[in-house]
N, C-alpha and C. Protein backbone atom coordinates (compact mmCIF):
# COMPACT_ATOMS: atom_id res chain seq x y z
N MET A 1 27.99 131.15 28.86
CA MET A 1 26.64 131.16 29.89
C MET A 1 26.82 129.86 30.79
N LEU A 2 27.42 128.88 30.39
CA LEU A 2 27.64 127.81 31.52
C LEU A 2 28.80 128.39 32.46
N HIS A 3 29.66 128.97 31.93
CA HIS A 3 30.65 129.67 32.85
C HIS A 3 30.11 130.53 33.87
N MET A 4 29.11 131.34 33.41
CA MET A 4 28.24 132.05 34.35
C MET A 4 27.68 131.31 35.35
N GLN A 5 26.96 130.15 35.03
CA GLN A 5 26.09 129.39 35.58
C GLN A 5 27.09 128.65 36.91
N TYR A 6 28.34 128.50 36.46
CA TYR A 6 29.26 127.63 37.46
C TYR A 6 29.78 128.79 38.37
N ARG A 7 29.82 130.01 38.14
CA ARG A 7 30.41 131.00 38.90
C ARG A 7 29.05 131.37 39.81
N PHE A 8 28.01 131.27 39.34
CA PHE A 8 26.88 131.73 40.32
C PHE A 8 26.74 130.39 41.34
N GLY A 9 26.85 129.16 40.94
CA GLY A 9 26.73 128.05 41.70
C GLY A 9 27.67 128.26 42.68
N LEU A 10 29.20 128.35 42.24
CA LEU A 10 30.22 128.51 43.34
C LEU A 10 29.61 129.61 44.32
N LEU A 11 29.38 130.67 43.75
CA LEU A 11 29.11 131.70 44.92
C LEU A 11 27.94 131.49 45.92
N LEU A 12 26.79 130.55 45.33
CA LEU A 12 25.81 130.23 46.06
C LEU A 12 26.28 129.27 47.14
N ALA A 13 26.98 128.16 46.72
CA ALA A 13 27.74 127.23 47.95
C ALA A 13 28.49 128.02 48.87
N VAL A 14 29.35 129.12 48.44
CA VAL A 14 30.09 129.60 49.44
C VAL A 14 29.18 130.06 50.36
N LEU A 15 28.25 131.11 49.82
CA LEU A 15 27.11 131.58 50.83
C LEU A 15 26.45 130.80 51.56
N VAL A 16 26.04 129.59 51.47
CA VAL A 16 25.40 128.65 51.97
C VAL A 16 26.19 128.14 53.31
N ILE A 17 27.68 127.92 52.81
CA ILE A 17 28.65 127.46 53.63
C ILE A 17 28.67 128.69 54.90
N MET A 18 28.82 129.62 54.50
CA MET A 18 28.99 130.84 55.33
C MET A 18 27.80 130.84 56.52
N VAL A 19 26.72 130.72 55.99
CA VAL A 19 25.42 130.95 57.08
C VAL A 19 24.98 129.65 57.65
N LEU A 20 25.56 128.52 57.52
CA LEU A 20 25.23 127.19 58.06
C LEU A 20 25.82 127.45 59.60
N PRO A 21 25.00 126.80 60.46
CA PRO A 21 25.57 126.89 62.07
C PRO A 21 27.15 126.19 61.93
N VAL A 22 27.71 126.77 62.81
CA VAL A 22 29.07 126.42 63.33
C VAL A 22 29.08 125.40 64.42
N SER A 23 29.89 124.26 64.31
CA SER A 23 29.85 123.54 65.48
C SER A 23 30.18 124.19 67.03
N SER A 24 29.60 123.72 67.85
CA SER A 24 29.56 124.33 69.39
C SER A 24 31.22 124.63 69.76
N THR A 25 32.01 123.70 69.23
CA THR A 25 33.38 124.06 69.54
C THR A 25 33.80 125.27 69.13
N SER A 26 33.75 125.39 67.66
CA SER A 26 34.27 126.62 67.09
C SER A 26 33.44 127.93 67.25
N ALA A 27 32.30 127.75 67.91
CA ALA A 27 31.29 128.80 68.13
C ALA A 27 31.89 129.33 69.52
N GLN A 28 32.57 128.68 70.32
CA GLN A 28 33.05 129.50 71.56
C GLN A 28 33.97 130.69 71.29
N SER A 29 34.13 131.44 72.20
CA SER A 29 35.11 132.62 72.21
C SER A 29 36.45 131.74 72.25
N VAL A 30 37.41 132.44 71.73
CA VAL A 30 38.81 131.92 71.80
C VAL A 30 39.04 131.89 73.04
N PRO A 31 40.12 130.83 73.77
CA PRO A 31 40.26 130.55 75.03
C PRO A 31 41.02 131.92 75.78
N TRP A 32 41.63 132.78 75.09
CA TRP A 32 42.38 133.96 75.68
C TRP A 32 41.25 135.03 75.88
N ARG A 33 39.94 134.76 75.55
CA ARG A 33 38.89 136.13 75.78
C ARG A 33 37.86 135.38 76.37
N GLU A 34 38.02 134.20 77.08
CA GLU A 34 37.05 133.74 78.31
C GLU A 34 37.49 133.94 79.68
N ASP A 35 36.49 134.12 80.40
CA ASP A 35 36.67 134.43 81.81
C ASP A 35 37.61 133.56 82.40
N LEU A 36 38.41 134.09 83.38
CA LEU A 36 39.09 133.18 84.02
C LEU A 36 38.30 133.10 85.46
N GLN A 37 38.48 131.65 85.77
CA GLN A 37 37.56 131.61 87.15
C GLN A 37 38.42 131.86 88.23
N PRO A 38 38.10 132.21 89.16
CA PRO A 38 39.06 132.75 90.53
C PRO A 38 39.40 131.29 91.00
N VAL A 39 40.66 131.31 91.12
CA VAL A 39 41.32 129.97 91.71
C VAL A 39 42.22 130.14 93.06
N ARG A 40 42.08 131.43 93.53
CA ARG A 40 42.71 131.77 94.83
C ARG A 40 42.05 132.02 95.85
N GLU A 41 42.36 131.82 96.96
CA GLU A 41 41.73 131.94 98.39
C GLU A 41 41.25 133.23 98.54
N GLU A 42 39.88 133.46 99.17
CA GLU A 42 39.50 134.63 99.32
C GLU A 42 39.34 135.14 100.99
N ALA A 43 39.27 136.27 101.03
CA ALA A 43 39.39 136.75 102.51
C ALA A 43 38.33 138.15 102.38
N ALA A 44 38.07 138.73 103.78
CA ALA A 44 37.39 139.94 103.96
C ALA A 44 38.54 140.86 104.53
N ILE A 45 38.43 142.18 104.22
CA ILE A 45 39.18 143.19 104.64
C ILE A 45 38.21 144.15 104.90
N MET A 46 38.74 145.31 105.62
CA MET A 46 38.02 146.77 105.75
C MET A 46 38.76 147.75 105.12
N VAL A 47 38.45 148.65 104.45
CA VAL A 47 38.81 149.83 103.98
C VAL A 47 38.00 150.92 104.21
N GLY A 48 38.59 151.97 105.20
CA GLY A 48 37.61 152.82 105.87
C GLY A 48 36.26 152.03 106.35
N ASP A 49 35.21 152.50 105.78
CA ASP A 49 34.01 151.58 106.28
C ASP A 49 33.47 150.70 105.45
N ASP A 50 34.16 150.29 104.49
CA ASP A 50 33.55 149.26 103.54
C ASP A 50 34.45 147.98 103.74
N ALA A 51 33.41 146.79 103.79
CA ALA A 51 34.14 145.61 103.70
C ALA A 51 34.29 145.17 102.39
N LEU A 52 35.37 144.59 102.02
CA LEU A 52 35.84 143.84 100.84
C LEU A 52 36.08 142.53 100.83
N ALA A 53 35.45 142.00 99.73
CA ALA A 53 36.11 140.32 99.74
C ALA A 53 37.00 140.42 98.49
N VAL A 54 38.10 139.96 99.01
CA VAL A 54 39.31 140.10 98.22
C VAL A 54 40.04 138.80 97.82
N GLU A 55 40.54 138.47 96.86
CA GLU A 55 41.30 137.48 96.41
C GLU A 55 42.81 137.61 96.79
N LEU A 56 43.30 136.51 97.22
CA LEU A 56 44.63 136.71 97.87
C LEU A 56 45.68 136.19 96.52
N SER A 57 46.59 137.23 96.42
CA SER A 57 47.40 137.07 95.55
C SER A 57 48.90 136.64 96.27
N VAL A 58 49.22 135.58 96.38
CA VAL A 58 50.10 135.02 97.11
C VAL A 58 51.58 134.52 96.37
N THR A 59 51.20 133.79 95.50
CA THR A 59 52.48 133.11 94.88
C THR A 59 52.95 134.19 93.78
N ILE A 60 54.18 133.73 93.34
CA ILE A 60 54.72 134.46 92.34
C ILE A 60 54.08 134.57 90.94
N SER A 61 53.32 133.54 90.72
CA SER A 61 52.65 133.36 89.57
C SER A 61 51.27 134.07 89.54
N GLN A 62 50.77 134.02 90.81
CA GLN A 62 49.46 134.75 91.04
C GLN A 62 49.89 136.31 90.92
N GLN A 63 50.83 136.68 91.63
CA GLN A 63 51.24 138.00 91.40
C GLN A 63 51.41 138.62 90.18
N THR A 64 52.14 137.71 89.43
CA THR A 64 52.67 138.26 87.96
C THR A 64 51.21 138.29 87.33
N LEU A 65 50.27 137.33 87.20
CA LEU A 65 49.13 137.41 86.66
C LEU A 65 48.08 138.43 87.05
N GLY A 66 48.02 138.62 88.45
CA GLY A 66 47.16 139.38 89.20
C GLY A 66 45.68 139.40 88.46
N LEU A 67 45.14 140.43 87.92
CA LEU A 67 43.81 140.34 87.47
C LEU A 67 43.95 140.42 85.88
N GLY A 68 45.06 140.20 85.36
CA GLY A 68 45.08 140.01 83.97
C GLY A 68 44.10 139.19 83.32
N TYR A 69 43.79 139.51 82.08
CA TYR A 69 42.73 138.35 81.38
C TYR A 69 41.56 137.96 81.93
N ARG A 70 41.04 138.97 82.84
CA ARG A 70 39.54 139.05 83.25
C ARG A 70 38.98 139.89 82.65
N ASN A 71 37.64 139.75 82.84
CA ASN A 71 36.43 141.11 82.17
C ASN A 71 36.22 142.10 83.07
N GLY A 72 36.67 141.77 84.36
CA GLY A 72 36.09 142.94 85.36
C GLY A 72 35.95 142.28 86.79
N LEU A 73 35.61 143.10 87.63
CA LEU A 73 35.42 142.72 89.04
C LEU A 73 34.02 142.99 89.36
N GLU A 74 33.44 142.16 90.42
CA GLU A 74 32.22 142.48 91.01
C GLU A 74 32.33 143.59 91.92
N ASP A 75 30.97 144.39 92.05
CA ASP A 75 31.02 145.08 93.32
C ASP A 75 31.52 144.63 94.74
N GLY A 76 32.29 145.44 95.22
CA GLY A 76 32.37 144.82 96.73
C GLY A 76 33.67 143.91 96.77
N THR A 77 34.50 143.66 95.44
CA THR A 77 35.44 142.77 95.56
C THR A 77 36.77 143.34 94.99
N GLY A 78 38.00 142.62 95.11
CA GLY A 78 39.10 143.40 94.83
C GLY A 78 40.23 142.30 94.75
N MET A 79 41.28 142.44 94.94
CA MET A 79 42.55 141.48 94.83
C MET A 79 43.63 142.42 95.59
N ILE A 80 44.05 141.36 96.48
CA ILE A 80 45.18 142.06 97.57
C ILE A 80 46.48 141.27 97.38
N PHE A 81 47.59 142.04 97.41
CA PHE A 81 48.88 141.42 97.17
C PHE A 81 49.72 141.79 98.47
N THR A 82 50.59 141.09 98.94
CA THR A 82 51.43 141.26 100.11
C THR A 82 52.68 141.24 99.74
N VAL A 83 53.45 142.48 100.39
CA VAL A 83 54.92 142.48 99.96
C VAL A 83 55.57 142.23 101.33
N GLU A 84 56.69 141.44 101.22
CA GLU A 84 57.36 140.96 102.46
C GLU A 84 58.74 140.91 102.10
N PRO A 85 59.77 141.60 102.64
CA PRO A 85 59.24 142.79 103.17
C PRO A 85 58.77 144.06 102.73
N ALA A 86 58.29 145.09 103.41
CA ALA A 86 57.77 146.02 102.80
C ALA A 86 58.99 146.64 101.82
N ALA A 87 58.43 146.94 100.59
CA ALA A 87 59.28 147.72 99.43
C ALA A 87 58.51 148.20 98.49
N PRO A 88 59.24 149.46 97.79
CA PRO A 88 58.54 150.06 96.76
C PRO A 88 57.76 149.02 95.66
N GLN A 89 56.65 149.21 95.07
CA GLN A 89 56.00 148.30 94.01
C GLN A 89 55.97 149.34 92.94
N SER A 90 55.88 148.50 91.73
CA SER A 90 55.57 149.04 90.53
C SER A 90 54.70 147.95 89.62
N PHE A 91 53.44 148.39 89.19
CA PHE A 91 52.43 147.75 88.48
C PHE A 91 52.26 148.21 87.15
N TRP A 92 52.04 147.26 86.18
CA TRP A 92 51.73 147.80 84.88
C TRP A 92 50.23 147.18 84.48
N MET A 93 49.82 147.40 83.26
CA MET A 93 48.31 146.71 83.04
C MET A 93 48.53 145.80 81.68
N LYS A 94 49.46 145.10 81.63
CA LYS A 94 49.70 144.03 81.00
C LYS A 94 48.57 143.10 81.05
N GLY A 95 48.08 142.80 79.90
CA GLY A 95 46.80 141.42 80.09
C GLY A 95 45.51 142.03 80.80
N MET A 96 45.54 143.29 80.91
CA MET A 96 44.29 143.78 81.70
C MET A 96 43.23 144.23 80.68
N ARG A 97 42.00 144.06 80.84
CA ARG A 97 40.72 144.21 80.10
C ARG A 97 39.90 145.53 80.61
N PHE A 98 40.06 145.83 81.70
CA PHE A 98 39.34 146.87 82.33
C PHE A 98 40.11 147.88 83.37
N CYS A 99 39.44 149.16 83.73
CA CYS A 99 40.04 149.88 84.50
C CYS A 99 40.09 149.61 85.82
N ILE A 100 41.23 149.98 86.75
CA ILE A 100 41.16 149.71 88.20
C ILE A 100 41.88 151.02 88.95
N ASP A 101 41.73 151.02 90.20
CA ASP A 101 42.47 151.81 91.23
C ASP A 101 43.43 150.76 91.97
N ILE A 102 44.71 151.14 91.68
CA ILE A 102 45.69 150.48 92.46
C ILE A 102 46.00 151.10 93.76
N VAL A 103 45.71 150.50 94.94
CA VAL A 103 46.03 151.28 96.09
C VAL A 103 47.20 150.83 96.94
N TRP A 104 47.95 151.60 97.40
CA TRP A 104 49.35 151.33 97.96
C TRP A 104 49.04 151.41 99.50
N ILE A 105 49.39 150.43 100.19
CA ILE A 105 48.97 150.37 101.58
C ILE A 105 50.34 149.87 102.38
N ASP A 106 50.55 150.69 103.37
CA ASP A 106 51.43 150.55 104.31
C ASP A 106 51.10 150.29 105.66
N GLY A 107 51.37 149.13 106.30
CA GLY A 107 50.48 148.88 107.66
C GLY A 107 49.17 148.69 107.54
N ASP A 108 48.55 149.79 108.26
CA ASP A 108 47.10 149.86 108.36
C ASP A 108 46.55 151.23 107.90
N GLU A 109 47.27 151.77 106.81
CA GLU A 109 46.45 152.70 106.16
C GLU A 109 46.91 152.85 104.61
N ILE A 110 46.34 153.76 103.87
CA ILE A 110 46.43 153.73 102.38
C ILE A 110 47.65 154.92 102.48
N ILE A 111 48.63 155.03 101.77
CA ILE A 111 49.60 155.92 101.55
C ILE A 111 49.49 156.53 100.06
N GLY A 112 48.79 155.86 99.29
CA GLY A 112 48.83 156.41 98.01
C GLY A 112 48.03 155.51 96.86
N ALA A 113 48.00 156.06 95.76
CA ALA A 113 46.95 155.01 94.89
C ALA A 113 47.36 155.70 93.20
N ALA A 114 47.29 154.73 92.32
CA ALA A 114 47.16 155.13 91.10
C ALA A 114 45.63 154.89 90.50
N GLU A 115 44.94 155.95 90.40
CA GLU A 115 43.41 155.97 90.31
C GLU A 115 43.06 155.79 88.89
N SER A 116 42.11 154.95 88.48
CA SER A 116 41.29 154.91 87.27
C SER A 116 42.53 154.48 86.15
N VAL A 117 43.45 153.72 86.44
CA VAL A 117 44.27 153.07 85.39
C VAL A 117 43.67 152.36 84.60
N CYS A 118 44.03 152.29 83.07
CA CYS A 118 43.20 151.61 81.94
C CYS A 118 44.18 150.70 81.38
N PRO A 119 43.64 149.71 80.73
CA PRO A 119 44.49 148.93 79.99
C PRO A 119 45.20 149.70 78.83
N ASP A 120 46.42 149.09 78.43
CA ASP A 120 47.10 149.78 77.25
C ASP A 120 46.51 149.31 75.95
N PRO A 121 46.78 150.16 75.03
CA PRO A 121 46.09 149.84 73.71
C PRO A 121 46.60 148.47 73.11
N GLU A 122 45.76 147.93 72.40
CA GLU A 122 46.23 146.60 71.81
C GLU A 122 47.36 146.79 70.91
N GLY A 123 48.42 145.70 71.33
CA GLY A 123 49.60 145.80 70.43
C GLY A 123 50.69 146.60 71.28
N THR A 124 50.54 147.37 72.51
CA THR A 124 51.51 148.12 72.95
C THR A 124 52.79 147.08 73.32
N ALA A 125 54.02 147.32 72.82
CA ALA A 125 54.99 146.43 73.24
C ALA A 125 55.35 146.70 74.86
N ASP A 126 55.80 145.65 75.40
CA ASP A 126 56.06 145.74 76.85
C ASP A 126 56.89 147.12 77.36
N ALA A 127 58.14 147.19 76.41
CA ALA A 127 58.84 148.35 76.78
C ALA A 127 58.32 149.71 76.59
N ASP A 128 57.11 149.74 76.01
CA ASP A 128 56.39 150.95 75.92
C ASP A 128 55.24 151.16 77.01
N ARG A 129 54.95 150.24 77.95
CA ARG A 129 53.89 150.19 78.70
C ARG A 129 54.29 150.92 79.89
N PRO A 130 53.21 151.92 80.53
CA PRO A 130 53.63 152.72 81.38
C PRO A 130 53.48 152.03 82.60
N THR A 131 54.31 152.22 83.55
CA THR A 131 54.19 151.76 84.86
C THR A 131 53.81 152.71 86.00
N TYR A 132 53.21 152.05 86.98
CA TYR A 132 52.43 152.85 88.20
C TYR A 132 53.08 152.49 89.49
N PRO A 133 54.43 153.30 89.94
CA PRO A 133 55.10 153.03 91.08
C PRO A 133 54.36 153.48 92.35
N SER A 134 54.66 152.82 93.50
CA SER A 134 54.14 153.18 94.81
C SER A 134 54.93 154.42 95.30
N GLY A 135 56.30 154.42 94.78
CA GLY A 135 57.19 155.51 95.43
C GLY A 135 57.72 155.03 96.48
N ASP A 136 56.74 155.01 97.76
CA ASP A 136 57.38 154.59 99.10
C ASP A 136 57.32 153.13 99.29
N PRO A 137 57.90 152.50 100.22
CA PRO A 137 57.58 150.99 100.55
C PRO A 137 56.35 150.81 100.88
N VAL A 138 55.81 149.57 100.61
CA VAL A 138 54.27 149.14 101.00
C VAL A 138 54.36 147.99 101.29
N THR A 139 53.31 147.53 102.49
CA THR A 139 53.07 146.18 102.55
C THR A 139 52.34 145.31 102.05
N HIS A 140 51.31 146.08 101.58
CA HIS A 140 50.19 145.54 100.95
C HIS A 140 49.83 146.44 99.65
N VAL A 141 49.29 145.80 98.27
CA VAL A 141 48.56 146.46 97.16
C VAL A 141 47.31 145.95 96.97
N LEU A 142 46.27 146.80 96.77
CA LEU A 142 45.14 146.30 96.60
C LEU A 142 44.60 146.87 95.40
N GLU A 143 43.97 145.97 94.65
CA GLU A 143 43.37 146.51 93.30
C GLU A 143 41.58 146.26 93.40
N VAL A 144 41.22 147.35 92.88
CA VAL A 144 39.70 147.50 93.13
C VAL A 144 39.16 148.12 91.72
N PRO A 145 37.91 148.14 91.31
CA PRO A 145 37.32 148.86 90.37
C PRO A 145 37.72 150.11 90.28
N ALA A 146 37.73 150.85 88.90
CA ALA A 146 38.35 151.99 88.92
C ALA A 146 37.14 152.72 89.36
N GLY A 147 37.48 154.03 90.12
CA GLY A 147 36.65 154.71 90.54
C GLY A 147 36.14 154.63 92.25
N TRP A 148 36.82 153.36 92.42
CA TRP A 148 36.05 152.84 93.98
C TRP A 148 36.64 153.99 94.81
N LEU A 149 37.95 154.40 94.66
CA LEU A 149 38.36 155.23 95.85
C LEU A 149 37.55 156.67 95.83
N ALA A 150 37.60 156.92 94.70
CA ALA A 150 36.75 158.44 94.73
C ALA A 150 35.37 158.56 94.83
N GLU A 151 34.53 157.38 94.65
CA GLU A 151 33.19 157.26 94.84
C GLU A 151 33.05 157.40 96.44
N ARG A 152 34.25 156.73 97.13
CA ARG A 152 33.82 156.54 98.77
C ARG A 152 34.71 157.94 99.41
N GLY A 153 35.43 158.46 98.83
CA GLY A 153 36.07 159.72 99.25
C GLY A 153 37.53 159.28 99.91
N TYR A 154 37.98 158.29 99.64
CA TYR A 154 39.19 157.61 100.19
C TYR A 154 40.17 157.93 99.75
N GLY A 155 41.45 157.91 100.35
CA GLY A 155 42.79 158.47 99.92
C GLY A 155 43.85 158.43 101.08
N VAL A 156 44.83 159.10 100.98
CA VAL A 156 45.95 158.81 101.81
C VAL A 156 45.43 158.99 103.26
N GLY A 157 45.91 158.12 104.10
CA GLY A 157 45.32 158.30 105.63
C GLY A 157 44.12 157.26 105.98
N THR A 158 43.38 156.99 104.66
CA THR A 158 42.18 155.86 105.04
C THR A 158 42.59 154.51 105.87
N PRO A 159 41.97 154.39 106.86
CA PRO A 159 42.53 153.05 107.61
C PRO A 159 42.33 151.98 106.75
N VAL A 160 42.88 150.99 106.96
CA VAL A 160 42.73 149.58 106.25
C VAL A 160 42.88 148.51 107.50
N GLN A 161 41.92 147.64 107.51
CA GLN A 161 42.18 146.31 108.53
C GLN A 161 42.36 145.33 107.65
N ILE A 162 43.45 144.46 107.68
CA ILE A 162 43.93 143.21 107.27
C ILE A 162 44.26 142.26 108.30
N PRO A 163 43.33 141.17 108.22
CA PRO A 163 43.81 140.26 109.24
C PRO A 163 45.21 140.04 109.32
N ASP A 164 45.97 139.79 110.65
CA ASP A 164 47.29 139.45 110.79
C ASP A 164 47.54 138.02 110.03
N ASP A 165 46.65 137.10 110.23
CA ASP A 165 47.11 135.72 109.37
C ASP A 165 46.51 135.54 107.94
N LEU A 166 46.14 136.67 107.45
CA LEU A 166 45.55 136.78 105.98
C LEU A 166 46.47 135.89 105.07
N PHE A 167 47.77 136.10 104.96
CA PHE A 167 48.84 135.47 104.44
C PHE A 167 49.61 134.53 104.96
N ALA A 168 49.27 133.89 105.94
CA ALA A 168 49.90 132.81 106.74
C ALA A 168 50.52 131.73 105.98
N ASP A 169 49.68 131.35 104.92
CA ASP A 169 50.14 130.05 104.15
C ASP A 169 50.96 130.35 102.79
N ASP A 170 51.56 131.71 102.98
CA ASP A 170 52.51 132.03 101.87
C ASP A 170 53.28 131.13 101.14
N ASP A 171 53.25 130.98 99.74
CA ASP A 171 54.08 130.14 99.04
C ASP A 171 54.70 130.90 98.00
N THR A 172 55.85 130.33 97.50
CA THR A 172 56.47 130.93 96.32
C THR A 172 56.52 129.99 95.23
N ASP A 173 56.39 130.13 94.10
CA ASP A 173 56.19 129.04 93.05
C ASP A 173 57.10 129.55 91.84
């Protein structure tokens, strides 16, 4: 009987510990699941008839990270990458948590896109991740929420206005 009371008391203690409030530090989500705050410069571009507020992905580290480890994009926003000199590009979805349209731009128009591209399943090895190539050389790559192009009927030939001085202070790190 004493042995049974001891087991019951131990079980009760474990249950009490499990329901007690956790300190505010450990109650927060793990760091790799928290939103990343934008730290890039922003600018305005035009795609077709739509103005977009875009984050500039300028440095090598910014371009490598891209939109990775974020939880989404607000309406009317995106991220733009510059490619100098123009060259074929290939993107993958490593670190992505949401679907996007990857828009290939050469000069002042869309030349193609990978539409509604979604994150790889958790645990996908880098060697097994699909890539999304532009095929032809591009001067810019625009990432917008998935379905953005289709919702507006934009595609190859859609005009894009990017200010000439948008990437004037390019760095490489």
